[in-house]
Amino acid sequence: MLNVVHFEICVDDLESAVAFYSSVFDWKIEPAEDDTDYLLIDGGENGEGIPGGLSRRFDELNSTINTIEVPSLDSYARKITENGGKVLAPKVPIPGQGYVQYCHDPEGNIFGIMEFDKAAQ
């Protein structure tokens, strides 16, 4: 079974969101290494939680994005479009981690798919 391996909370004000989530849930939130506006939420030292991120909002309809691990981004992107979904953007490398791609389901909900590959650049 393929599972959710990452979540994102999309916000308008990153600074305010960091203050809120770190204060309320005691989450450790740090900037991503690539110096973008993407912030990483630590899943815990022993893997007890799902790692996540804070990002700027993509559109007014979506505020949370779940990312599902798949064995092949290309084959699952094909399956998504063949079943009425839509691929929103090209796959994005995350150096040392793998590749992520964002999609819509037939209802218009955004979700991500992730292929882990430590050789990703």
N, C-alpha and C. Protein backbone atom coordinates (compact mmCIF):
# COMPACT_ATOMS: atom_id res chain seq x y z
N MET A 1 0.85 -1.18 0.00
CA MET A 1 0.00 0.00 0.00
C MET A 1 0.88 1.24 0.00
N LEU A 2 0.56 2.20 -0.84
CA LEU A 2 1.30 3.44 -0.89
C LEU A 2 0.74 4.39 0.17
N ASN A 3 1.65 5.08 0.88
CA ASN A 3 1.24 5.89 2.02
C ASN A 3 1.67 7.34 1.91
N VAL A 4 1.02 8.19 2.70
CA VAL A 4 1.41 9.59 2.83
C VAL A 4 2.76 9.61 3.55
N VAL A 5 3.73 10.32 2.96
CA VAL A 5 5.06 10.41 3.54
C VAL A 5 5.46 11.84 3.87
N HIS A 6 4.59 12.80 3.49
CA HIS A 6 4.91 14.21 3.70
C HIS A 6 3.61 15.01 3.62
N PHE A 7 3.52 16.07 4.39
CA PHE A 7 2.37 16.96 4.28
C PHE A 7 2.88 18.39 4.15
N GLU A 8 2.07 19.23 3.54
CA GLU A 8 2.39 20.65 3.44
C GLU A 8 1.18 21.46 3.86
N ILE A 9 1.45 22.50 4.59
CA ILE A 9 0.40 23.45 4.95
C ILE A 9 0.72 24.73 4.19
N CYS A 10 -0.20 25.15 3.35
CA CYS A 10 0.00 26.34 2.51
C CYS A 10 -0.57 27.56 3.22
N VAL A 11 0.22 28.61 3.29
CA VAL A 11 -0.16 29.79 4.05
C VAL A 11 0.15 31.06 3.27
N ASP A 12 -0.43 32.16 3.70
CA ASP A 12 -0.13 33.46 3.11
C ASP A 12 1.04 34.14 3.81
N ASP A 13 1.19 33.91 5.12
CA ASP A 13 2.22 34.56 5.92
C ASP A 13 3.07 33.49 6.61
N LEU A 14 4.24 33.21 6.02
CA LEU A 14 5.10 32.16 6.56
C LEU A 14 5.55 32.45 7.99
N GLU A 15 5.94 33.67 8.27
CA GLU A 15 6.44 34.03 9.60
C GLU A 15 5.37 33.80 10.67
N SER A 16 4.17 34.22 10.39
CA SER A 16 3.06 34.02 11.33
C SER A 16 2.75 32.54 11.51
N ALA A 17 2.81 31.78 10.41
CA ALA A 17 2.53 30.34 10.49
C ALA A 17 3.58 29.61 11.33
N VAL A 18 4.85 29.99 11.17
CA VAL A 18 5.91 29.39 11.98
C VAL A 18 5.65 29.67 13.46
N ALA A 19 5.32 30.90 13.78
CA ALA A 19 5.04 31.26 15.18
C ALA A 19 3.88 30.44 15.72
N PHE A 20 2.82 30.31 14.94
CA PHE A 20 1.64 29.57 15.38
C PHE A 20 1.94 28.10 15.61
N TYR A 21 2.43 27.42 14.58
CA TYR A 21 2.62 25.97 14.67
C TYR A 21 3.73 25.56 15.63
N SER A 22 4.78 26.36 15.74
CA SER A 22 5.83 26.02 16.69
C SER A 22 5.37 26.27 18.13
N SER A 23 4.54 27.28 18.34
CA SER A 23 4.03 27.56 19.69
C SER A 23 2.96 26.56 20.11
N VAL A 24 2.03 26.28 19.21
CA VAL A 24 0.91 25.42 19.57
C VAL A 24 1.32 23.95 19.68
N PHE A 25 2.08 23.44 18.69
CA PHE A 25 2.40 22.02 18.64
C PHE A 25 3.85 21.70 18.99
N ASP A 26 4.64 22.73 19.28
CA ASP A 26 6.05 22.56 19.61
C ASP A 26 6.82 21.92 18.46
N TRP A 27 6.43 22.25 17.22
CA TRP A 27 7.10 21.72 16.03
C TRP A 27 8.41 22.46 15.81
N LYS A 28 9.43 21.73 15.40
CA LYS A 28 10.70 22.31 15.00
C LYS A 28 10.58 22.64 13.50
N ILE A 29 10.66 23.92 13.14
CA ILE A 29 10.47 24.36 11.76
C ILE A 29 11.70 25.16 11.34
N GLU A 30 12.32 24.73 10.23
CA GLU A 30 13.53 25.38 9.75
C GLU A 30 13.47 25.59 8.24
N PRO A 31 14.21 26.58 7.73
CA PRO A 31 14.24 26.80 6.27
C PRO A 31 14.85 25.59 5.55
N ALA A 32 14.38 25.35 4.34
CA ALA A 32 14.97 24.30 3.49
C ALA A 32 16.37 24.73 3.09
N GLU A 33 17.21 23.76 2.78
CA GLU A 33 18.60 24.04 2.44
C GLU A 33 18.77 24.85 1.17
N ASP A 34 17.80 24.80 0.26
CA ASP A 34 17.95 25.50 -1.01
C ASP A 34 17.61 26.98 -0.93
N ASP A 35 17.38 27.50 0.29
CA ASP A 35 17.17 28.92 0.53
C ASP A 35 15.93 29.48 -0.17
N THR A 36 14.89 28.66 -0.31
CA THR A 36 13.63 29.13 -0.86
C THR A 36 12.73 29.57 0.29
N ASP A 37 11.50 29.90 -0.03
CA ASP A 37 10.52 30.23 1.00
C ASP A 37 9.87 28.98 1.58
N TYR A 38 10.46 27.82 1.33
CA TYR A 38 9.90 26.57 1.83
C TYR A 38 10.53 26.26 3.18
N LEU A 39 9.68 25.94 4.15
CA LEU A 39 10.15 25.63 5.50
C LEU A 39 9.83 24.18 5.83
N LEU A 40 10.77 23.50 6.46
CA LEU A 40 10.61 22.08 6.79
C LEU A 40 10.12 21.90 8.22
N ILE A 41 9.15 21.01 8.39
CA ILE A 41 8.64 20.64 9.71
C ILE A 41 9.22 19.28 10.04
N ASP A 42 9.97 19.20 11.12
CA ASP A 42 10.64 17.97 11.53
C ASP A 42 9.61 16.93 11.96
N GLY A 43 9.76 15.71 11.48
CA GLY A 43 8.85 14.62 11.83
C GLY A 43 9.21 13.93 13.13
N GLY A 44 10.28 14.36 13.78
CA GLY A 44 10.69 13.74 15.04
C GLY A 44 11.93 12.90 14.86
N GLU A 45 12.71 12.80 15.92
CA GLU A 45 13.99 12.08 15.87
C GLU A 45 13.84 10.60 15.58
N ASN A 46 12.80 10.00 16.06
CA ASN A 46 12.62 8.55 15.92
C ASN A 46 11.59 8.19 14.85
N GLY A 47 11.26 9.14 14.00
CA GLY A 47 10.30 8.89 12.94
C GLY A 47 8.88 8.69 13.44
N GLU A 48 8.58 9.24 14.62
CA GLU A 48 7.23 9.05 15.18
C GLU A 48 6.17 9.89 14.48
N GLY A 49 6.60 10.89 13.72
CA GLY A 49 5.65 11.72 13.00
C GLY A 49 5.98 11.80 11.52
N ILE A 50 5.04 12.26 10.75
CA ILE A 50 5.26 12.46 9.31
C ILE A 50 5.92 13.82 9.13
N PRO A 51 7.05 13.89 8.41
CA PRO A 51 7.65 15.20 8.17
C PRO A 51 6.77 16.04 7.26
N GLY A 52 6.91 17.35 7.41
CA GLY A 52 6.06 18.23 6.62
C GLY A 52 6.76 19.50 6.21
N GLY A 53 5.98 20.42 5.70
CA GLY A 53 6.51 21.69 5.27
C GLY A 53 5.47 22.79 5.30
N LEU A 54 5.96 24.01 5.34
CA LEU A 54 5.12 25.20 5.19
C LEU A 54 5.54 25.86 3.89
N SER A 55 4.57 26.19 3.06
CA SER A 55 4.87 26.86 1.80
C SER A 55 3.84 27.96 1.55
N ARG A 56 4.17 28.80 0.62
CA ARG A 56 3.21 29.83 0.22
C ARG A 56 2.04 29.15 -0.48
N ARG A 57 0.87 29.70 -0.31
CA ARG A 57 -0.35 29.14 -0.87
C ARG A 57 -0.30 29.13 -2.39
N PHE A 58 -0.68 27.99 -3.00
CA PHE A 58 -0.72 27.86 -4.46
C PHE A 58 -1.93 28.59 -5.05
N ASP A 59 -3.07 28.46 -4.40
CA ASP A 59 -4.28 29.13 -4.84
C ASP A 59 -5.22 29.24 -3.65
N GLU A 60 -6.34 29.92 -3.84
CA GLU A 60 -7.25 30.17 -2.72
C GLU A 60 -8.03 28.94 -2.26
N LEU A 61 -8.02 27.87 -3.04
CA LEU A 61 -8.81 26.70 -2.70
C LEU A 61 -8.09 25.67 -1.85
N ASN A 62 -6.79 25.61 -1.94
CA ASN A 62 -6.04 24.55 -1.28
C ASN A 62 -5.18 25.09 -0.16
N SER A 63 -5.27 24.41 0.99
CA SER A 63 -4.45 24.85 2.11
C SER A 63 -3.59 23.74 2.68
N THR A 64 -3.87 22.50 2.34
CA THR A 64 -3.07 21.38 2.82
C THR A 64 -2.81 20.44 1.66
N ILE A 65 -1.57 20.00 1.55
CA ILE A 65 -1.19 19.08 0.49
C ILE A 65 -0.55 17.85 1.12
N ASN A 66 -1.11 16.68 0.83
CA ASN A 66 -0.49 15.43 1.26
C ASN A 66 0.30 14.87 0.10
N THR A 67 1.48 14.35 0.39
CA THR A 67 2.34 13.77 -0.64
C THR A 67 2.46 12.28 -0.39
N ILE A 68 2.26 11.51 -1.45
CA ILE A 68 2.21 10.05 -1.38
C ILE A 68 3.45 9.48 -2.05
N GLU A 69 4.12 8.57 -1.37
CA GLU A 69 5.30 7.92 -1.95
C GLU A 69 4.87 6.96 -3.04
N VAL A 70 5.55 7.03 -4.20
CA VAL A 70 5.30 6.12 -5.32
C VAL A 70 6.64 5.56 -5.79
N PRO A 71 6.64 4.37 -6.39
CA PRO A 71 7.90 3.79 -6.87
C PRO A 71 8.43 4.46 -8.13
N SER A 72 7.56 5.07 -8.94
CA SER A 72 7.98 5.72 -10.18
C SER A 72 7.10 6.93 -10.44
N LEU A 73 7.71 8.12 -10.38
CA LEU A 73 6.96 9.34 -10.62
C LEU A 73 6.34 9.34 -12.02
N ASP A 74 7.12 8.96 -13.00
CA ASP A 74 6.64 8.99 -14.38
C ASP A 74 5.44 8.07 -14.59
N SER A 75 5.52 6.85 -14.07
CA SER A 75 4.39 5.93 -14.30
C SER A 75 3.14 6.36 -13.53
N TYR A 76 3.32 6.92 -12.33
CA TYR A 76 2.15 7.37 -11.58
C TYR A 76 1.57 8.66 -12.15
N ALA A 77 2.39 9.53 -12.71
CA ALA A 77 1.87 10.72 -13.39
C ALA A 77 0.97 10.28 -14.56
N ARG A 78 1.42 9.25 -15.27
CA ARG A 78 0.61 8.70 -16.37
C ARG A 78 -0.71 8.13 -15.85
N LYS A 79 -0.63 7.36 -14.75
CA LYS A 79 -1.84 6.77 -14.17
C LYS A 79 -2.82 7.85 -13.71
N ILE A 80 -2.28 8.92 -13.17
CA ILE A 80 -3.12 10.02 -12.68
C ILE A 80 -3.90 10.64 -13.84
N THR A 81 -3.21 10.94 -14.94
CA THR A 81 -3.91 11.55 -16.08
C THR A 81 -4.87 10.57 -16.75
N GLU A 82 -4.50 9.29 -16.81
CA GLU A 82 -5.38 8.28 -17.41
C GLU A 82 -6.67 8.08 -16.61
N ASN A 83 -6.64 8.46 -15.34
CA ASN A 83 -7.80 8.27 -14.47
C ASN A 83 -8.51 9.57 -14.13
N GLY A 84 -8.32 10.60 -14.96
CA GLY A 84 -9.08 11.84 -14.80
C GLY A 84 -8.41 12.92 -13.99
N GLY A 85 -7.20 12.67 -13.49
CA GLY A 85 -6.47 13.70 -12.75
C GLY A 85 -5.64 14.55 -13.69
N LYS A 86 -4.86 15.45 -13.12
CA LYS A 86 -4.06 16.36 -13.92
C LYS A 86 -2.71 16.58 -13.24
N VAL A 87 -1.64 16.52 -14.02
CA VAL A 87 -0.31 16.86 -13.52
C VAL A 87 -0.16 18.37 -13.65
N LEU A 88 0.20 19.05 -12.56
CA LEU A 88 0.23 20.51 -12.54
C LEU A 88 1.57 21.11 -12.93
N ALA A 89 2.65 20.37 -12.74
CA ALA A 89 3.98 20.93 -12.98
C ALA A 89 4.96 19.79 -13.24
N PRO A 90 6.09 20.12 -13.86
CA PRO A 90 7.13 19.10 -14.05
C PRO A 90 7.66 18.61 -12.71
N LYS A 91 8.28 17.44 -12.72
CA LYS A 91 8.85 16.93 -11.46
C LYS A 91 9.99 17.84 -11.02
N VAL A 92 10.10 17.97 -9.71
CA VAL A 92 11.09 18.86 -9.10
C VAL A 92 12.08 18.00 -8.32
N PRO A 93 13.38 18.16 -8.59
CA PRO A 93 14.36 17.39 -7.80
C PRO A 93 14.54 17.99 -6.41
N ILE A 94 14.68 17.13 -5.45
CA ILE A 94 15.06 17.53 -4.09
C ILE A 94 16.39 16.84 -3.85
N PRO A 95 17.50 17.58 -3.95
CA PRO A 95 18.82 16.96 -3.90
C PRO A 95 19.00 16.02 -2.71
N GLY A 96 19.47 14.81 -3.03
CA GLY A 96 19.73 13.80 -2.01
C GLY A 96 18.50 13.10 -1.48
N GLN A 97 17.30 13.52 -1.92
CA GLN A 97 16.05 12.94 -1.43
C GLN A 97 15.27 12.22 -2.53
N GLY A 98 15.05 12.90 -3.65
CA GLY A 98 14.26 12.32 -4.73
C GLY A 98 13.58 13.38 -5.56
N TYR A 99 12.38 13.06 -6.04
CA TYR A 99 11.64 13.96 -6.93
C TYR A 99 10.20 14.06 -6.46
N VAL A 100 9.63 15.26 -6.58
CA VAL A 100 8.24 15.48 -6.21
C VAL A 100 7.53 16.11 -7.40
N GLN A 101 6.24 15.82 -7.52
CA GLN A 101 5.43 16.40 -8.57
C GLN A 101 4.04 16.65 -8.00
N TYR A 102 3.44 17.78 -8.37
CA TYR A 102 2.13 18.15 -7.85
C TYR A 102 1.06 17.87 -8.90
N CYS A 103 -0.10 17.42 -8.41
CA CYS A 103 -1.19 16.99 -9.28
C CYS A 103 -2.53 17.43 -8.69
N HIS A 104 -3.57 17.35 -9.52
CA HIS A 104 -4.96 17.50 -9.09
C HIS A 104 -5.64 16.15 -9.22
N ASP A 105 -6.52 15.83 -8.29
CA ASP A 105 -7.41 14.70 -8.50
C ASP A 105 -8.58 15.18 -9.34
N PRO A 106 -9.50 14.31 -9.74
CA PRO A 106 -10.62 14.75 -10.58
C PRO A 106 -11.51 15.81 -9.92
N GLU A 107 -11.46 15.93 -8.59
CA GLU A 107 -12.25 16.94 -7.88
C GLU A 107 -11.53 18.28 -7.76
N GLY A 108 -10.26 18.34 -8.21
CA GLY A 108 -9.49 19.57 -8.13
C GLY A 108 -8.64 19.71 -6.89
N ASN A 109 -8.56 18.67 -6.06
CA ASN A 109 -7.71 18.72 -4.88
C ASN A 109 -6.25 18.52 -5.27
N ILE A 110 -5.36 19.35 -4.72
CA ILE A 110 -3.93 19.20 -4.99
C ILE A 110 -3.36 18.11 -4.08
N PHE A 111 -2.49 17.29 -4.64
CA PHE A 111 -1.70 16.34 -3.85
C PHE A 111 -0.35 16.20 -4.54
N GLY A 112 0.62 15.69 -3.80
CA GLY A 112 1.94 15.47 -4.36
C GLY A 112 2.22 13.99 -4.48
N ILE A 113 3.13 13.65 -5.40
CA ILE A 113 3.67 12.30 -5.46
C ILE A 113 5.19 12.44 -5.33
N MET A 114 5.80 11.48 -4.63
CA MET A 114 7.23 11.54 -4.32
C MET A 114 7.90 10.24 -4.65
N GLU A 115 8.96 10.30 -5.44
CA GLU A 115 9.80 9.15 -5.70
C GLU A 115 11.13 9.39 -5.00
N PHE A 116 11.46 8.55 -4.02
CA PHE A 116 12.71 8.69 -3.31
C PHE A 116 13.86 8.20 -4.18
N ASP A 117 14.93 9.00 -4.25
CA ASP A 117 16.11 8.67 -5.03
C ASP A 117 17.26 9.52 -4.49
N LYS A 118 18.13 8.91 -3.71
CA LYS A 118 19.23 9.67 -3.08
C LYS A 118 20.18 10.29 -4.09
N ALA A 119 20.16 9.83 -5.35
CA ALA A 119 21.01 10.40 -6.40
C ALA A 119 20.42 11.65 -7.03
N ALA A 120 19.25 12.07 -6.60
CA ALA A 120 18.60 13.26 -7.19
C ALA A 120 19.46 14.49 -6.99
N GLN A 121 19.55 15.30 -8.01
CA GLN A 121 20.34 16.55 -7.96
C GLN A 121 19.47 17.72 -8.28
